């Protein structure tokens, strides 16, 4: 589970993913930071992300990172930057959320783990699985995650079988007012965001 000197099998070393904000509207213009300790289990409050890895049909390695986005969690900064935070729901409308995801595509990314600093990366794709797709998404193997997400976000279609190795992070989104959701979903997991990090453009 390595990428350009980063070791995602090292459970004792903090990883920081820094995403440059493209404008002051998103996170006040400050970098969006997702920080976590890699792990095989990732219960809320433990500062851990669940790490999985697989090889695509074309032979590329994908490191898949699952992070929590609740209040105080590892990916709260990212979730709040794209959808805001209301009372047990997102603070922004769906239209504004999708606009922010579009603004963030192509943003510069730096990943830091101990003395290893990997820059020159970028957000090559961002997508959102809406409430109607969440149950299928969670019930499917990680190898299908990008394929399912691409059904709702065309900008992720290339990532299901990319021409380069990828780092992908996923985190939940809160319920957006007016958006229908199955009764079996919690307000805090009514959608899923996926970010695809690459060192070159697809």
Protein backbone atom coordinates (compact mmCIF):
# COMPACT_ATOMS: atom_id res chain seq x y z
CA UNK A 1 0.00 0.00 0.00
CA UNK A 2 2.61 2.49 -1.12
CA UNK A 3 2.49 5.52 -3.35
CA UNK A 4 5.53 7.68 -4.19
CA UNK A 5 7.18 6.93 -0.84
CA UNK A 6 3.98 7.11 1.21
CA UNK A 7 3.27 3.94 3.20
CA UNK A 8 -0.43 3.49 3.94
CA UNK A 9 0.27 0.23 5.76
CA UNK A 10 2.11 2.16 8.50
CA UNK A 11 -0.58 2.43 11.16
CA UNK A 12 1.50 4.57 13.50
CA UNK A 13 2.32 7.55 11.30
CA UNK A 14 -0.10 10.40 10.66
CA UNK A 15 -1.02 11.18 7.06
CA UNK A 16 -2.11 14.68 6.00
CA UNK A 17 -3.83 15.36 2.69
CA UNK A 18 -3.78 19.09 1.92
CA UNK A 19 -6.07 20.33 -0.86
CA UNK A 20 -5.48 23.89 -2.06
CA UNK A 21 -8.64 25.98 -2.00
CA UNK A 22 -9.32 27.63 -5.38
CA UNK A 23 -11.08 30.66 -3.87
CA UNK A 24 -12.08 32.31 -0.61
CA UNK A 25 -15.61 30.93 -0.89
CA UNK A 26 -14.32 27.42 -0.17
CA UNK A 27 -12.91 26.98 3.35
CA UNK A 28 -12.18 30.69 3.54
CA UNK A 29 -9.44 30.27 0.97
CA UNK A 30 -7.40 28.10 3.34
CA UNK A 31 -6.17 24.59 2.44
CA UNK A 32 -8.59 21.77 3.17
CA UNK A 33 -6.80 19.25 5.39
CA UNK A 34 -7.78 15.61 5.84
CA UNK A 35 -5.59 13.96 8.47
CA UNK A 36 -5.68 10.42 9.78
CA UNK A 37 -3.72 7.37 10.91
CA UNK A 38 -4.04 4.50 8.42
CA UNK A 39 -5.76 1.40 9.72
CA UNK A 40 -7.78 -1.70 8.93
CA UNK A 41 -10.58 -0.54 11.22
CA UNK A 42 -11.77 3.04 11.53
CA UNK A 43 -14.33 3.57 14.27
CA UNK A 44 -15.56 7.13 14.71
CA UNK A 45 -13.40 9.14 17.09
CA UNK A 46 -10.23 7.09 16.69
CA UNK A 47 -8.61 9.41 14.10
CA UNK A 48 -8.17 6.43 11.79
CA UNK A 49 -9.04 5.88 8.17
CA UNK A 50 -9.77 2.46 6.71
CA UNK A 51 -7.30 1.69 3.94
CA UNK A 52 -7.93 -0.77 1.13
CA UNK A 53 -6.02 -1.38 -2.08
CA UNK A 54 -6.79 -3.12 -5.34
CA UNK A 55 -5.60 -3.39 -8.91
CA UNK A 56 -7.77 -2.17 -11.79
CA UNK A 57 -8.49 -4.27 -14.92
CA UNK A 58 -5.78 -2.24 -16.66
CA UNK A 59 -3.21 -3.10 -13.98
CA UNK A 60 -3.11 0.20 -12.05
CA UNK A 61 -2.92 0.30 -8.27
CA UNK A 62 -5.65 2.14 -6.35
CA UNK A 63 -5.33 3.04 -2.68
CA UNK A 64 -8.81 3.62 -1.26
CA UNK A 65 -9.21 5.68 1.91
CA UNK A 66 -12.43 5.76 3.97
CA UNK A 67 -12.64 8.68 6.40
CA UNK A 68 -15.34 9.92 8.77
CA UNK A 69 -16.83 13.36 8.23
CA UNK A 70 -18.86 13.97 11.38
CA UNK A 71 -18.16 16.84 13.76
CA UNK A 72 -14.53 16.64 14.83
CA UNK A 73 -13.78 13.78 12.46
CA UNK A 74 -10.91 13.37 10.03
CA UNK A 75 -12.69 14.67 6.92
CA UNK A 76 -14.99 17.23 8.57
CA UNK A 77 -13.02 20.09 6.98
CA UNK A 78 -13.59 18.69 3.50
CA UNK A 79 -17.30 17.98 4.05
CA UNK A 80 -17.92 21.39 5.58
CA UNK A 81 -16.03 23.06 2.72
CA UNK A 82 -18.25 21.50 0.07
CA UNK A 83 -21.67 21.40 1.77
CA UNK A 84 -21.55 23.55 4.89
CA UNK A 85 -22.92 22.46 8.25
CA UNK A 86 -26.49 23.05 9.39
CA UNK A 87 -28.49 21.51 12.20
CA UNK A 88 -28.25 17.75 11.49
CA UNK A 89 -28.08 18.52 7.77
CA UNK A 90 -25.93 20.21 5.15
CA UNK A 91 -25.82 23.97 5.27
CA UNK A 92 -25.90 24.55 1.51
CA UNK A 93 -28.29 23.70 -1.29
CA UNK A 94 -27.56 20.86 -3.71
CA UNK A 95 -26.88 23.39 -6.49
CA UNK A 96 -24.20 25.12 -4.41
CA UNK A 97 -22.67 21.80 -3.30
CA UNK A 98 -22.26 20.64 -6.89
CA UNK A 99 -20.81 24.02 -7.85
CA UNK A 100 -18.20 23.74 -5.11
CA UNK A 101 -17.26 20.24 -6.20
CA UNK A 102 -16.76 21.61 -9.70
CA UNK A 103 -14.61 24.45 -8.38
CA UNK A 104 -12.39 22.01 -6.49
CA UNK A 105 -11.69 19.73 -9.45
CA UNK A 106 -8.08 20.19 -10.53
CA UNK A 107 -7.01 21.66 -7.17
CA UNK A 108 -3.40 21.06 -6.15
CA UNK A 109 -2.84 18.36 -3.52
CA UNK A 110 0.09 17.67 -1.20
CA UNK A 111 0.30 14.55 0.98
CA UNK A 112 2.59 14.45 4.01
CA UNK A 113 3.58 11.45 6.10
CA UNK A 114 6.41 12.05 8.55
CA UNK A 115 9.40 13.28 6.55
CA UNK A 116 7.83 12.28 3.22
CA UNK A 117 6.22 15.13 1.31
CA UNK A 118 4.59 14.32 -2.03
CA UNK A 119 3.46 17.32 -4.01
CA UNK A 120 2.65 17.84 -7.68
CA UNK A 121 -0.60 15.95 -7.13
CA UNK A 122 -4.08 17.21 -7.97
CA UNK A 123 -7.76 16.40 -7.51
CA UNK A 124 -8.31 14.69 -10.83
CA UNK A 125 -11.97 14.00 -10.13
CA UNK A 126 -14.68 14.64 -7.57
CA UNK A 127 -18.12 13.12 -7.32
CA UNK A 128 -21.13 12.66 -5.11
CA UNK A 129 -23.31 9.60 -4.71
CA UNK A 130 -26.79 10.93 -3.83
CA UNK A 131 -29.14 9.38 -1.30
CA UNK A 132 -30.83 7.06 -3.80
CA UNK A 133 -27.51 5.41 -4.62
CA UNK A 134 -26.01 5.12 -1.15
CA UNK A 135 -27.47 1.71 -0.21
CA UNK A 136 -26.14 0.08 -3.40
CA UNK A 137 -22.82 1.85 -2.95
CA UNK A 138 -22.30 0.60 0.61
CA UNK A 139 -23.40 -2.94 -0.32
CA UNK A 140 -20.89 -3.22 -3.19
CA UNK A 141 -17.19 -4.15 -3.07
CA UNK A 142 -14.67 -1.32 -3.11
CA UNK A 143 -13.62 -2.33 -6.62
CA UNK A 144 -17.02 -1.09 -7.87
CA UNK A 145 -17.10 2.16 -5.89
CA UNK A 146 -15.83 4.39 -8.68
CA UNK A 147 -18.01 2.67 -11.25
CA UNK A 148 -21.14 3.29 -9.16
CA UNK A 149 -20.13 6.87 -8.39
CA UNK A 150 -19.51 7.54 -12.07
CA UNK A 151 -23.17 6.74 -12.71
CA UNK A 152 -23.98 9.94 -10.83
CA UNK A 153 -20.85 11.99 -11.61
CA UNK A 154 -19.54 11.69 -15.17
CA UNK A 155 -16.24 13.29 -14.19
CA UNK A 156 -15.32 10.02 -12.43
CA UNK A 157 -15.95 7.71 -15.41
CA UNK A 158 -12.28 7.53 -16.41
CA UNK A 159 -11.21 6.59 -12.86
CA UNK A 160 -12.91 3.17 -12.91
CA UNK A 161 -10.10 1.97 -15.19
CA UNK A 162 -7.45 4.69 -15.13
CA UNK A 163 -4.16 4.95 -16.98
CA UNK A 164 -2.26 5.81 -13.80
CA UNK A 165 -2.18 4.78 -10.11
CA UNK A 166 -4.68 6.61 -7.91
CA UNK A 167 -5.39 7.57 -4.34
CA UNK A 168 -9.13 7.81 -3.68
CA UNK A 169 -10.81 9.09 -0.53
CA UNK A 170 -14.47 8.67 0.37
CA UNK A 171 -16.48 10.30 3.11
CA UNK A 172 -20.14 10.72 3.95
CA UNK A 173 -22.25 13.81 3.44
CA UNK A 174 -25.17 15.08 5.50
CA UNK A 175 -28.73 15.17 4.29
CA UNK A 176 -29.48 18.13 2.03
CA UNK A 177 -32.80 19.85 2.59
CA UNK A 178 -35.31 18.89 -0.08
CA UNK A 179 -33.37 15.90 -1.31
CA UNK A 180 -35.27 12.60 -0.94
CA UNK A 181 -33.60 9.87 1.05
CA UNK A 182 -34.49 6.27 1.95
CA UNK A 183 -35.72 5.86 5.51
CA UNK A 184 -32.82 3.55 6.41
CA UNK A 185 -30.18 6.28 6.01
CA UNK A 186 -28.94 8.40 8.88
CA UNK A 187 -28.85 12.16 8.34
CA UNK A 188 -25.07 12.01 8.69
CA UNK A 189 -24.64 9.43 5.91
CA UNK A 190 -27.21 10.50 3.33
CA UNK A 191 -24.64 10.81 0.53
CA UNK A 192 -21.04 9.90 -0.25
CA UNK A 193 -18.30 12.13 -1.63
CA UNK A 194 -15.36 10.70 -3.54
CA UNK A 195 -12.13 12.50 -4.38
CA UNK A 196 -9.62 11.05 -6.85
CA UNK A 197 -6.00 12.13 -6.43
CA UNK A 198 -3.48 11.59 -9.20
CA UNK A 199 -0.03 12.78 -10.18
CA UNK A 200 -0.93 13.32 -13.81
CA UNK A 201 -3.99 14.33 -15.76
CA UNK A 202 -6.26 11.54 -17.09
